[in-house]
């Protein structure tokens, strides 16, 4: 009698993983005491910040089964700006990619780098880390994921390399944040530090992270190029085999192609200028992409009806990536409804009170990692945690500059890890990479990042990195 084959464990769908997380948070609202801090207006910035001495327990209000279900449409509503942005950029890219002009240009770039493919990885990582370090690029990287995937495949890598170059590059820059107004600027303002002070040490951190990350991805990319079956997403790459470019038989570029590319590059330039000069965010960037997509379609010779059909097809193709941000937000909605977020902040901050300064600094970093699970917004996490971390740092003899660094690391790295990070899930959805595959690729790297960050924080505490 033949033995029944054991069923191989399969990782649940990303939505199921997120629902399980939300269910755990719902159960926690019955177990964890509800608590609140009083929010007050910061005289310097006008932002609502926590009064660190005001924590108090309140009556428990656990999430009911119906409230659990309602958390999903509420999460969709709260993540609507990201969801709509992904739909708009996905639809616009659908139009642009259908022209074929971008693929032709990327093919020529890939051909020019033949034999030097490895240089592509540190170059892309450096560019996106620069965006993360200066104007806080994170959500803004979403539209670049399709281009990264196409470029990586064109030189013999896989979609994982294409997505990882962009995601980890932005994370490296975001973590050092040597001129990031949304994290470093706000946190230093709350800590009453000079704006962007300590830039020298942050530049060292930035370069170190870019080098280590580039080497990690280059090692994986070399394995995939040598043997495509070693790709973590080999099955997906086989399905996409027909979509890969043949660099030996590239199509000729015509006048329409150059016109489309000029529109695309010009639109990107306007976007970067608007983000850096006027603080544009998702709405304004979405408007640029919508205009850029429509013009590219028309310049390619398509009639308006065909352009509209291409937009719908492009938006349909990234439906998973667009909706996942709202599904991920449900867990946070549940924690807010049960009033356990402030309790988590209070409890985690209390764990580090009796540690020596160097260990306390590393522990502050790990506390911030926990906070990033429930507060993915960099500026939001700064407003919630820095009013608590600054007094703790003062009591323990740790410089406020070190407390800011702990916040930066805790906020940035796990934005590329936690399943509650809507931008990450949107990027993976667009690249057609499941969350479990991403973890298999990314966990060793984030482990390296964690060790590096802990060391950077401990060194800052030991050397009394300042000015204060």
Protein backbone atom coordinates (compact mmCIF):
# COMPACT_ATOMS: atom_id res chain seq x y z
CA UNK A 1 0.00 0.00 0.00
CA UNK A 2 1.48 3.27 -1.09
CA UNK A 3 2.05 5.84 1.60
CA UNK A 4 0.22 9.06 1.13
CA UNK A 5 2.53 11.86 0.25
CA UNK A 6 2.69 14.54 2.85
CA UNK A 7 1.34 17.80 1.65
CA UNK A 8 4.01 20.43 1.29
CA UNK A 9 3.39 23.49 3.43
CA UNK A 10 2.40 26.49 1.38
CA UNK A 11 2.66 30.02 2.68
CA UNK A 12 -0.80 31.62 2.83
CA UNK A 13 -1.77 34.40 0.46
CA UNK A 14 -0.47 37.82 1.49
CA UNK A 15 -4.00 38.97 2.34
CA UNK A 16 -4.43 35.97 4.64
CA UNK A 17 -1.16 36.77 6.42
CA UNK A 18 -2.38 40.33 6.98
CA UNK A 19 -5.76 39.12 8.22
CA UNK A 20 -4.02 36.82 10.72
CA UNK A 21 -1.99 39.80 11.98
CA UNK A 22 -5.19 41.78 12.36
CA UNK A 23 -6.86 38.91 14.23
CA UNK A 24 -3.94 38.80 16.67
CA UNK A 25 -4.28 42.54 17.25
CA UNK A 26 -8.02 42.11 17.81
CA UNK A 27 -7.36 39.46 20.48
CA UNK A 28 -4.80 41.78 22.08
CA UNK A 29 -7.49 44.40 22.62
CA UNK A 30 -9.06 41.93 25.08
CA UNK A 31 -5.74 41.22 26.82
CA UNK A 32 -3.73 44.46 26.78
CA UNK A 33 -5.02 47.26 29.06
CA UNK A 34 -6.25 50.28 27.11
CA UNK A 35 -4.29 53.47 27.69
CA UNK A 36 -3.79 56.95 26.33
CA UNK A 37 -1.35 59.83 26.29
CA UNK A 38 -2.55 63.40 26.14
CA UNK A 39 -1.60 65.08 22.86
CA UNK A 40 -0.56 68.72 22.94
CA UNK A 41 0.50 71.17 20.24
CA UNK A 42 4.25 71.61 19.93
CA UNK A 43 4.86 75.39 20.08
CA UNK A 44 7.81 75.14 17.68
CA UNK A 45 6.18 73.05 14.92
CA UNK A 46 2.45 73.18 15.66
CA UNK A 47 2.31 69.37 15.42
CA UNK A 48 0.43 67.23 17.93
CA UNK A 49 2.96 65.50 20.21
CA UNK A 50 2.65 63.24 23.24
CA UNK A 51 3.03 64.64 26.74
CA UNK A 52 5.37 61.92 28.12
CA UNK A 53 4.09 62.39 31.68
CA UNK A 54 0.43 62.06 30.76
CA UNK A 55 -0.04 58.32 30.18
CA UNK A 56 -3.08 56.90 31.94
CA UNK A 57 -5.15 53.77 31.62
CA UNK A 58 -8.69 54.01 30.33
CA UNK A 59 -11.62 51.66 30.25
CA UNK A 60 -11.04 48.71 27.95
CA UNK A 61 -12.94 48.83 24.68
CA UNK A 62 -12.14 45.52 22.95
CA UNK A 63 -12.86 45.14 19.27
CA UNK A 64 -16.09 43.26 18.53
CA UNK A 65 -16.38 40.81 15.60
CA UNK A 66 -18.34 43.38 13.58
CA UNK A 67 -15.75 46.09 14.34
CA UNK A 68 -13.08 43.65 13.15
CA UNK A 69 -14.87 43.36 9.81
CA UNK A 70 -15.41 47.13 9.63
CA UNK A 71 -11.67 47.65 10.10
CA UNK A 72 -11.10 46.61 6.49
CA UNK A 73 -13.24 49.24 4.76
CA UNK A 74 -11.94 51.74 7.32
CA UNK A 75 -8.39 50.67 6.52
CA UNK A 76 -9.14 51.02 2.81
CA UNK A 77 -10.49 54.49 3.46
CA UNK A 78 -7.44 55.56 5.48
CA UNK A 79 -5.10 54.15 2.85
CA UNK A 80 -7.16 55.59 -0.01
CA UNK A 81 -4.45 58.06 -1.03
CA UNK A 82 -1.90 55.26 -1.51
CA UNK A 83 -4.45 52.95 -3.17
CA UNK A 84 -5.57 55.56 -5.69
CA UNK A 85 -1.98 56.60 -6.31
CA UNK A 86 -1.03 53.00 -7.18
CA UNK A 87 -4.05 52.66 -9.49
CA UNK A 88 -3.21 55.94 -11.26
CA UNK A 89 0.49 55.20 -11.67
CA UNK A 90 -0.24 51.59 -12.66
CA UNK A 91 -2.73 52.73 -15.29
CA UNK A 92 -0.38 55.42 -16.54
CA UNK A 93 2.51 52.99 -16.76
CA UNK A 94 0.22 50.63 -18.61
CA UNK A 95 -0.15 53.27 -21.32
CA UNK A 96 3.55 54.13 -21.35
CA UNK A 97 4.76 50.53 -21.47
CA UNK A 98 2.33 49.68 -24.28
CA UNK A 99 4.09 52.24 -26.49
CA UNK A 100 7.19 50.02 -26.36
CA UNK A 101 9.43 53.09 -26.25
CA UNK A 102 10.64 52.60 -22.68
CA UNK A 103 11.51 48.95 -23.33
CA UNK A 104 13.51 49.95 -26.39
CA UNK A 105 15.46 52.54 -24.39
CA UNK A 106 16.07 50.16 -21.47
CA UNK A 107 17.21 47.53 -23.95
CA UNK A 108 19.86 49.88 -25.27
CA UNK A 109 20.95 50.75 -21.73
CA UNK A 110 21.20 47.05 -20.88
CA UNK A 111 23.14 46.39 -24.10
CA UNK A 112 25.57 49.16 -23.23
CA UNK A 113 26.18 47.55 -19.83
CA UNK A 114 26.70 44.05 -21.22
CA UNK A 115 29.65 42.57 -19.33
CA UNK A 116 29.28 45.27 -16.66
CA UNK A 117 25.84 44.28 -15.35
CA UNK A 118 26.97 44.27 -11.72
CA UNK A 119 27.60 48.02 -11.86
CA UNK A 120 23.89 48.54 -12.49
CA UNK A 121 22.99 47.39 -8.98
CA UNK A 122 25.10 49.84 -6.90
CA UNK A 123 24.20 52.62 -9.36
CA UNK A 124 20.43 52.14 -8.91
CA UNK A 125 20.78 51.67 -5.15
CA UNK A 126 22.84 54.86 -4.89
CA UNK A 127 20.32 56.91 -6.90
CA UNK A 128 17.32 55.80 -4.84
CA UNK A 129 19.22 56.09 -1.55
CA UNK A 130 19.96 59.69 -2.49
CA UNK A 131 16.23 60.29 -2.87
CA UNK A 132 15.50 58.65 0.49
CA UNK A 133 18.22 60.64 2.25
CA UNK A 134 17.22 64.05 0.90
CA UNK A 135 13.50 64.33 0.27
CA UNK A 136 12.35 61.20 2.08
CA UNK A 137 11.56 59.11 -1.00
CA UNK A 138 9.40 56.16 -0.05
CA UNK A 139 5.89 56.18 -1.52
CA UNK A 140 7.41 57.97 -4.51
CA UNK A 141 9.40 54.85 -5.45
CA UNK A 142 6.25 52.87 -6.35
CA UNK A 143 6.11 54.04 -10.00
CA UNK A 144 9.73 52.99 -10.57
CA UNK A 145 9.21 49.33 -9.64
CA UNK A 146 8.06 48.25 -13.15
CA UNK A 147 11.11 49.92 -14.70
CA UNK A 148 13.44 48.27 -12.20
CA UNK A 149 11.96 44.86 -12.98
CA UNK A 150 12.27 45.34 -16.74
CA UNK A 151 15.84 46.60 -16.43
CA UNK A 152 16.92 43.73 -14.15
CA UNK A 153 15.44 41.08 -16.43
CA UNK A 154 17.04 42.65 -19.48
CA UNK A 155 20.53 41.96 -18.08
CA UNK A 156 19.78 38.42 -16.93
CA UNK A 157 18.58 38.99 -13.38
CA UNK A 158 15.09 38.47 -11.95
CA UNK A 159 12.25 40.68 -10.72
CA UNK A 160 13.51 40.29 -7.14
CA UNK A 161 16.71 42.11 -8.06
CA UNK A 162 14.74 44.80 -9.89
CA UNK A 163 12.42 45.48 -6.96
CA UNK A 164 15.13 45.09 -4.30
CA UNK A 165 17.47 47.64 -5.88
CA UNK A 166 14.78 50.28 -5.55
CA UNK A 167 13.22 49.29 -2.19
CA UNK A 168 16.49 48.74 -0.32
CA UNK A 169 18.09 51.76 -1.96
CA UNK A 170 15.35 54.06 -0.70
CA UNK A 171 15.54 52.39 2.73
CA UNK A 172 19.31 52.98 2.98
CA UNK A 173 18.84 56.68 2.30
CA UNK A 174 15.75 56.98 4.49
CA UNK A 175 17.58 55.39 7.43
CA UNK A 176 20.55 57.75 7.34
CA UNK A 177 18.27 60.68 6.50
CA UNK A 178 21.08 63.20 6.45
CA UNK A 179 18.74 65.77 4.88
CA UNK A 180 15.33 64.13 5.25
CA UNK A 181 12.90 66.80 6.51
CA UNK A 182 10.12 64.28 7.25
CA UNK A 183 12.08 62.13 9.71
CA UNK A 184 15.38 63.71 10.76
CA UNK A 185 13.99 67.25 10.50
CA UNK A 186 10.85 66.60 12.55
CA UNK A 187 12.62 64.41 15.14
CA UNK A 188 15.40 66.95 15.62
CA UNK A 189 12.81 69.71 15.94
CA UNK A 190 11.04 67.83 18.75
CA UNK A 191 14.42 67.13 20.39
CA UNK A 192 15.31 70.85 20.04
CA UNK A 193 18.44 70.02 18.04
CA UNK A 194 19.85 72.19 15.24
CA UNK A 195 18.28 71.14 11.94
CA UNK A 196 20.29 68.41 10.17
CA UNK A 197 23.05 68.55 12.78
CA UNK A 198 25.32 65.48 12.96
CA UNK A 199 25.36 65.17 9.17
CA UNK A 200 28.95 63.86 9.08
CA UNK A 201 28.15 60.67 11.02
CA UNK A 202 24.96 60.19 9.03
CA UNK A 203 26.91 60.36 5.77
CA UNK A 204 29.23 57.61 7.03
CA UNK A 205 26.17 55.51 7.93
CA UNK A 206 24.63 56.15 4.49
CA UNK A 207 27.75 55.09 2.57
CA UNK A 208 28.20 51.99 4.76
CA UNK A 209 24.63 50.86 4.19
CA UNK A 210 24.78 51.45 0.43
CA UNK A 211 28.01 49.42 0.13
CA UNK A 212 26.80 46.48 2.23
CA UNK A 213 23.38 46.39 0.53
CA UNK A 214 24.92 46.55 -2.95
CA UNK A 215 27.23 43.64 -2.18
CA UNK A 216 24.34 41.56 -0.81
CA UNK A 217 22.14 42.06 -3.88
CA UNK A 218 25.07 41.65 -6.28
CA UNK A 219 25.85 38.26 -4.73
CA UNK A 220 22.26 37.08 -5.18
CA UNK A 221 22.08 38.53 -8.72
CA UNK A 222 25.28 36.71 -9.75
CA UNK A 223 23.78 33.38 -8.62
CA UNK A 224 20.59 34.01 -10.58
CA UNK A 225 22.47 35.02 -13.72
CA UNK A 226 24.63 31.89 -13.53
CA UNK A 227 21.68 29.59 -12.85
CA UNK A 228 18.16 31.08 -13.19
CA UNK A 229 16.71 28.11 -11.29
CA UNK A 230 18.38 29.45 -8.14
CA UNK A 231 16.06 32.46 -8.26
CA UNK A 232 13.69 32.66 -5.30
CA UNK A 233 10.97 33.44 -7.84
CA UNK A 234 12.10 31.02 -10.56
CA UNK A 235 8.52 29.93 -11.29
CA UNK A 236 7.44 33.53 -11.86
CA UNK A 237 10.43 34.16 -14.10
CA UNK A 238 9.52 31.14 -16.22
CA UNK A 239 6.02 32.55 -16.65
CA UNK A 240 7.47 35.92 -17.69
CA UNK A 241 10.05 34.41 -20.06
CA UNK A 242 8.19 35.65 -23.14
CA UNK A 243 8.27 39.22 -21.84
CA UNK A 244 12.07 39.40 -21.59
CA UNK A 245 13.98 41.50 -24.10
CA UNK A 246 16.26 39.97 -26.69
CA UNK A 247 19.24 42.31 -26.63
CA UNK A 248 20.55 40.89 -29.89
CA UNK A 249 17.39 41.83 -31.79
CA UNK A 250 16.32 45.22 -30.46
CA UNK A 251 13.68 47.15 -32.37
CA UNK A 252 14.68 50.36 -34.09
CA UNK A 253 13.68 53.58 -32.35
CA UNK A 254 11.71 56.13 -34.33
CA UNK A 255 10.60 59.74 -33.90
CA UNK A 256 7.52 58.75 -31.90
CA UNK A 257 9.70 56.74 -29.50
CA UNK A 258 11.94 59.71 -28.82
CA UNK A 259 8.90 61.92 -28.31
CA UNK A 260 7.45 59.44 -25.79
CA UNK A 261 10.78 59.20 -23.96
CA UNK A 262 11.16 62.99 -23.87
CA UNK A 263 7.68 63.24 -22.33
CA UNK A 264 8.49 60.52 -19.82
CA UNK A 265 11.83 62.02 -18.77
CA UNK A 266 10.34 65.52 -18.67
CA UNK A 267 7.47 64.31 -16.48
CA UNK A 268 9.91 62.63 -14.10
CA UNK A 269 11.93 65.83 -13.93
CA UNK A 270 8.84 67.88 -13.10
CA UNK A 271 7.95 65.35 -10.40
CA UNK A 272 11.38 65.46 -8.75
CA UNK A 273 11.41 69.28 -8.88
CA UNK A 274 7.93 69.53 -7.39
CA UNK A 275 8.70 67.07 -4.59
CA UNK A 276 11.96 68.79 -3.63
CA UNK A 277 10.87 72.40 -4.19
CA UNK A 278 7.18 72.47 -3.26
CA UNK A 279 6.74 69.35 -1.14
CA UNK A 280 4.45 67.60 -3.61
CA UNK A 281 3.08 64.29 -2.44
CA UNK A 282 0.84 61.54 -3.80
CA UNK A 283 -1.93 63.73 -5.24
CA UNK A 284 0.38 66.00 -7.20
CA UNK A 285 2.62 63.12 -8.32
CA UNK A 286 -0.47 61.19 -9.42
CA UNK A 287 -1.59 64.16 -11.51
CA UNK A 288 1.82 64.29 -13.20
CA UNK A 289 1.69 60.58 -14.01
CA UNK A 290 -1.86 60.82 -15.31
CA UNK A 291 -0.88 63.66 -17.66
CA UNK A 292 2.37 62.00 -18.65
CA UNK A 293 0.64 58.68 -19.44
CA UNK A 294 -2.06 60.29 -21.56
CA UNK A 295 0.44 62.37 -23.56
CA UNK A 296 2.74 59.39 -24.13
CA UNK A 297 -0.17 57.33 -25.44
CA UNK A 298 -1.26 60.07 -27.82
CA UNK A 299 2.30 60.79 -29.02
CA UNK A 300 2.69 57.08 -29.76
CA UNK A 301 -0.16 57.38 -32.26
CA UNK A 302 -2.98 55.84 -30.22
CA UNK A 303 -6.47 57.33 -30.30
CA UNK A 304 -8.06 58.51 -26.99
CA UNK A 305 -10.26 55.41 -26.68
CA UNK A 306 -7.27 53.09 -26.98
CA UNK A 307 -5.34 55.17 -24.43
CA UNK A 308 -8.27 54.83 -22.02
CA UNK A 309 -8.39 51.06 -22.55
CA UNK A 310 -4.64 50.79 -21.89
CA UNK A 311 -5.06 52.78 -18.68
CA UNK A 312 -7.77 50.40 -17.43
CA UNK A 313 -5.65 47.36 -18.34
CA UNK A 314 -2.64 48.80 -16.51
CA UNK A 315 -4.69 49.60 -13.40
CA UNK A 316 -6.25 46.13 -13.47
CA UNK A 317 -2.81 44.51 -13.57
CA UNK A 318 -1.75 46.03 -10.25
CA UNK A 319 -5.07 45.63 -8.41
CA UNK A 320 -3.43 43.37 -5.81
CA UNK A 321 -0.70 45.91 -5.11
CA UNK A 322 -3.19 48.77 -4.88
CA UNK A 323 -5.61 47.12 -2.45
CA UNK A 324 -3.02 45.54 -0.18
CA UNK A 325 -2.19 48.90 1.44
CA UNK A 326 -5.75 49.13 2.79
CA UNK A 327 -5.77 45.51 3.95
CA UNK A 328 -2.50 46.12 5.81
CA UNK A 329 -3.94 49.23 7.49
CA UNK A 330 -6.75 47.24 9.15
CA UNK A 331 -4.45 45.99 11.94
CA UNK A 332 -3.60 49.58 12.89
CA UNK A 333 -7.29 50.57 12.79
CA UNK A 334 -8.02 47.73 15.23
CA UNK A 335 -5.26 48.83 17.62
CA UNK A 336 -6.49 52.41 17.51
CA UNK A 337 -10.07 51.29 18.13
CA UNK A 338 -9.00 49.23 21.13
CA UNK A 339 -6.75 52.05 22.47
CA UNK A 340 -3.72 49.78 22.83
CA UNK A 341 -1.19 51.68 20.68
CA UNK A 342 -0.31 54.15 23.45
CA UNK A 343 -0.10 51.26 25.92
CA UNK A 344 2.44 49.59 23.62
CA UNK A 345 4.47 52.82 23.43
CA UNK A 346 4.39 53.18 27.23
CA UNK A 347 5.32 49.56 27.89
CA UNK A 348 8.15 49.38 25.38
CA UNK A 349 9.68 52.66 26.51
CA UNK A 350 9.65 51.39 30.12
CA UNK A 351 11.79 48.38 29.23
CA UNK A 352 14.96 50.40 28.66
CA UNK A 353 14.98 52.57 31.79
CA UNK A 354 17.58 50.60 33.80
CA UNK A 355 20.09 49.75 31.07
CA UNK A 356 23.62 51.22 30.68
CA UNK A 357 23.78 54.04 28.12
CA UNK A 358 25.29 52.03 25.22
CA UNK A 359 22.85 49.14 25.68
CA UNK A 360 19.98 51.55 26.30
CA UNK A 361 20.67 53.25 22.96
CA UNK A 362 20.54 49.91 21.14
CA UNK A 363 17.37 49.05 23.08
CA UNK A 364 15.79 52.38 22.11
CA UNK A 365 16.39 51.39 18.50
CA UNK A 366 14.63 48.04 19.03
CA UNK A 367 11.71 49.78 20.73
CA UNK A 368 11.36 52.00 17.66
CA UNK A 369 11.30 48.86 15.50
CA UNK A 370 8.27 47.68 17.45
CA UNK A 371 6.62 51.06 17.05
CA UNK A 372 7.09 50.96 13.29
CA UNK A 373 4.81 47.91 13.15
CA UNK A 374 1.86 50.06 14.18
CA UNK A 375 3.01 53.53 13.06
CA UNK A 376 4.49 53.28 9.56
CA UNK A 377 4.50 57.02 8.97
CA UNK A 378 7.95 58.47 9.68
CA UNK A 379 6.62 61.85 10.74
CA UNK A 380 3.81 60.17 12.69
CA UNK A 381 6.21 57.94 14.55
CA UNK A 382 8.44 60.94 15.33
CA UNK A 383 5.48 62.82 16.80
CA UNK A 384 4.37 59.77 18.83
CA UNK A 385 7.67 58.50 20.21
CA UNK A 386 10.24 61.31 20.31
CA UNK A 387 8.49 63.20 23.15
CA UNK A 388 8.96 59.99 25.20
CA UNK A 389 12.43 59.02 23.98
CA UNK A 390 13.94 62.47 24.52
CA UNK A 391 13.23 62.56 28.30
CA UNK A 392 14.42 58.95 28.61
CA UNK A 393 17.65 59.88 26.83
CA UNK A 394 18.12 62.87 29.15
CA UNK A 395 17.64 60.70 32.26
CA UNK A 396 20.01 57.97 31.04
CA UNK A 397 22.72 60.39 29.95
CA UNK A 398 22.29 59.58 26.25
CA UNK A 399 22.51 62.48 23.82
CA UNK A 400 19.32 63.57 22.10
CA UNK A 401 21.11 63.21 18.78
CA UNK A 402 21.50 59.50 19.57
CA UNK A 403 17.79 59.24 20.38
CA UNK A 404 17.00 60.73 16.96
CA UNK A 405 19.30 58.20 15.28
CA UNK A 406 17.56 55.32 17.09
CA UNK A 407 14.23 56.62 15.81
CA UNK A 408 15.53 56.92 12.24
CA UNK A 409 16.79 53.33 12.16
CA UNK A 410 13.67 51.96 13.80
CA UNK A 411 11.40 53.77 11.38
CA UNK A 412 13.21 53.07 8.13
CA UNK A 413 14.51 49.50 7.91
CA UNK A 414 11.29 47.80 8.95
CA UNK A 415 9.29 49.79 6.40
CA UNK A 416 10.77 47.22 4.03
CA UNK A 417 9.87 44.33 6.35
CA UNK A 418 6.61 44.68 8.28
CA UNK A 419 3.52 43.42 6.44
CA UNK A 420 1.65 46.47 7.78
CA UNK A 421 3.84 48.69 5.56
CA UNK A 422 1.45 49.56 2.75
CA UNK A 423 4.10 50.97 0.40
CA UNK A 424 6.20 47.79 0.62
CA UNK A 425 3.18 45.59 -0.06
CA UNK A 426 2.20 47.77 -3.02
CA UNK A 427 5.71 47.50 -4.49
CA UNK A 428 5.74 43.72 -4.10
CA UNK A 429 2.29 43.49 -5.64
CA UNK A 430 3.38 45.46 -8.69
CA UNK A 431 6.48 43.25 -9.08
CA UNK A 432 4.30 40.12 -8.61
CA UNK A 433 6.45 39.00 -5.67
CA UNK A 434 4.64 37.35 -2.76
CA UNK A 435 5.45 38.49 0.76
CA UNK A 436 6.90 35.12 1.82
CA UNK A 437 9.31 35.14 -1.16
CA UNK A 438 10.39 38.66 -0.25
CA UNK A 439 11.09 37.56 3.34
CA UNK A 440 13.20 34.65 2.11
CA UNK A 441 15.33 37.10 0.15
CA UNK A 442 15.29 40.00 2.61
CA UNK A 443 15.61 38.51 6.12
CA UNK A 444 19.40 37.94 5.93
CA UNK A 445 19.88 41.52 4.74
CA UNK A 446 17.68 43.09 7.40
CA UNK A 447 19.56 40.98 9.96
CA UNK A 448 22.79 42.59 8.77
CA UNK A 449 21.12 46.01 8.90
CA UNK A 450 19.92 45.38 12.47
CA UNK A 451 23.43 44.49 13.63
CA UNK A 452 24.91 47.54 11.89
CA UNK A 453 22.25 49.86 13.30
CA UNK A 454 22.69 48.54 16.84
CA UNK A 455 26.42 49.15 16.54
CA UNK A 456 25.95 52.66 15.15
CA UNK A 457 23.56 53.52 18.02
CA UNK A 458 25.85 52.05 20.70
CA UNK A 459 28.84 53.95 19.28
CA UNK A 460 26.86 57.20 19.22
CA UNK A 461 25.92 56.70 22.87
CA UNK A 462 29.44 55.75 23.95
CA UNK A 463 30.99 58.78 22.22
CA UNK A 464 28.24 61.20 23.37
CA UNK A 465 27.51 62.13 19.76
CA UNK A 466 25.98 65.57 19.78
CA UNK A 467 25.91 68.52 19.88
CA UNK A 468 23.79 67.31 22.81
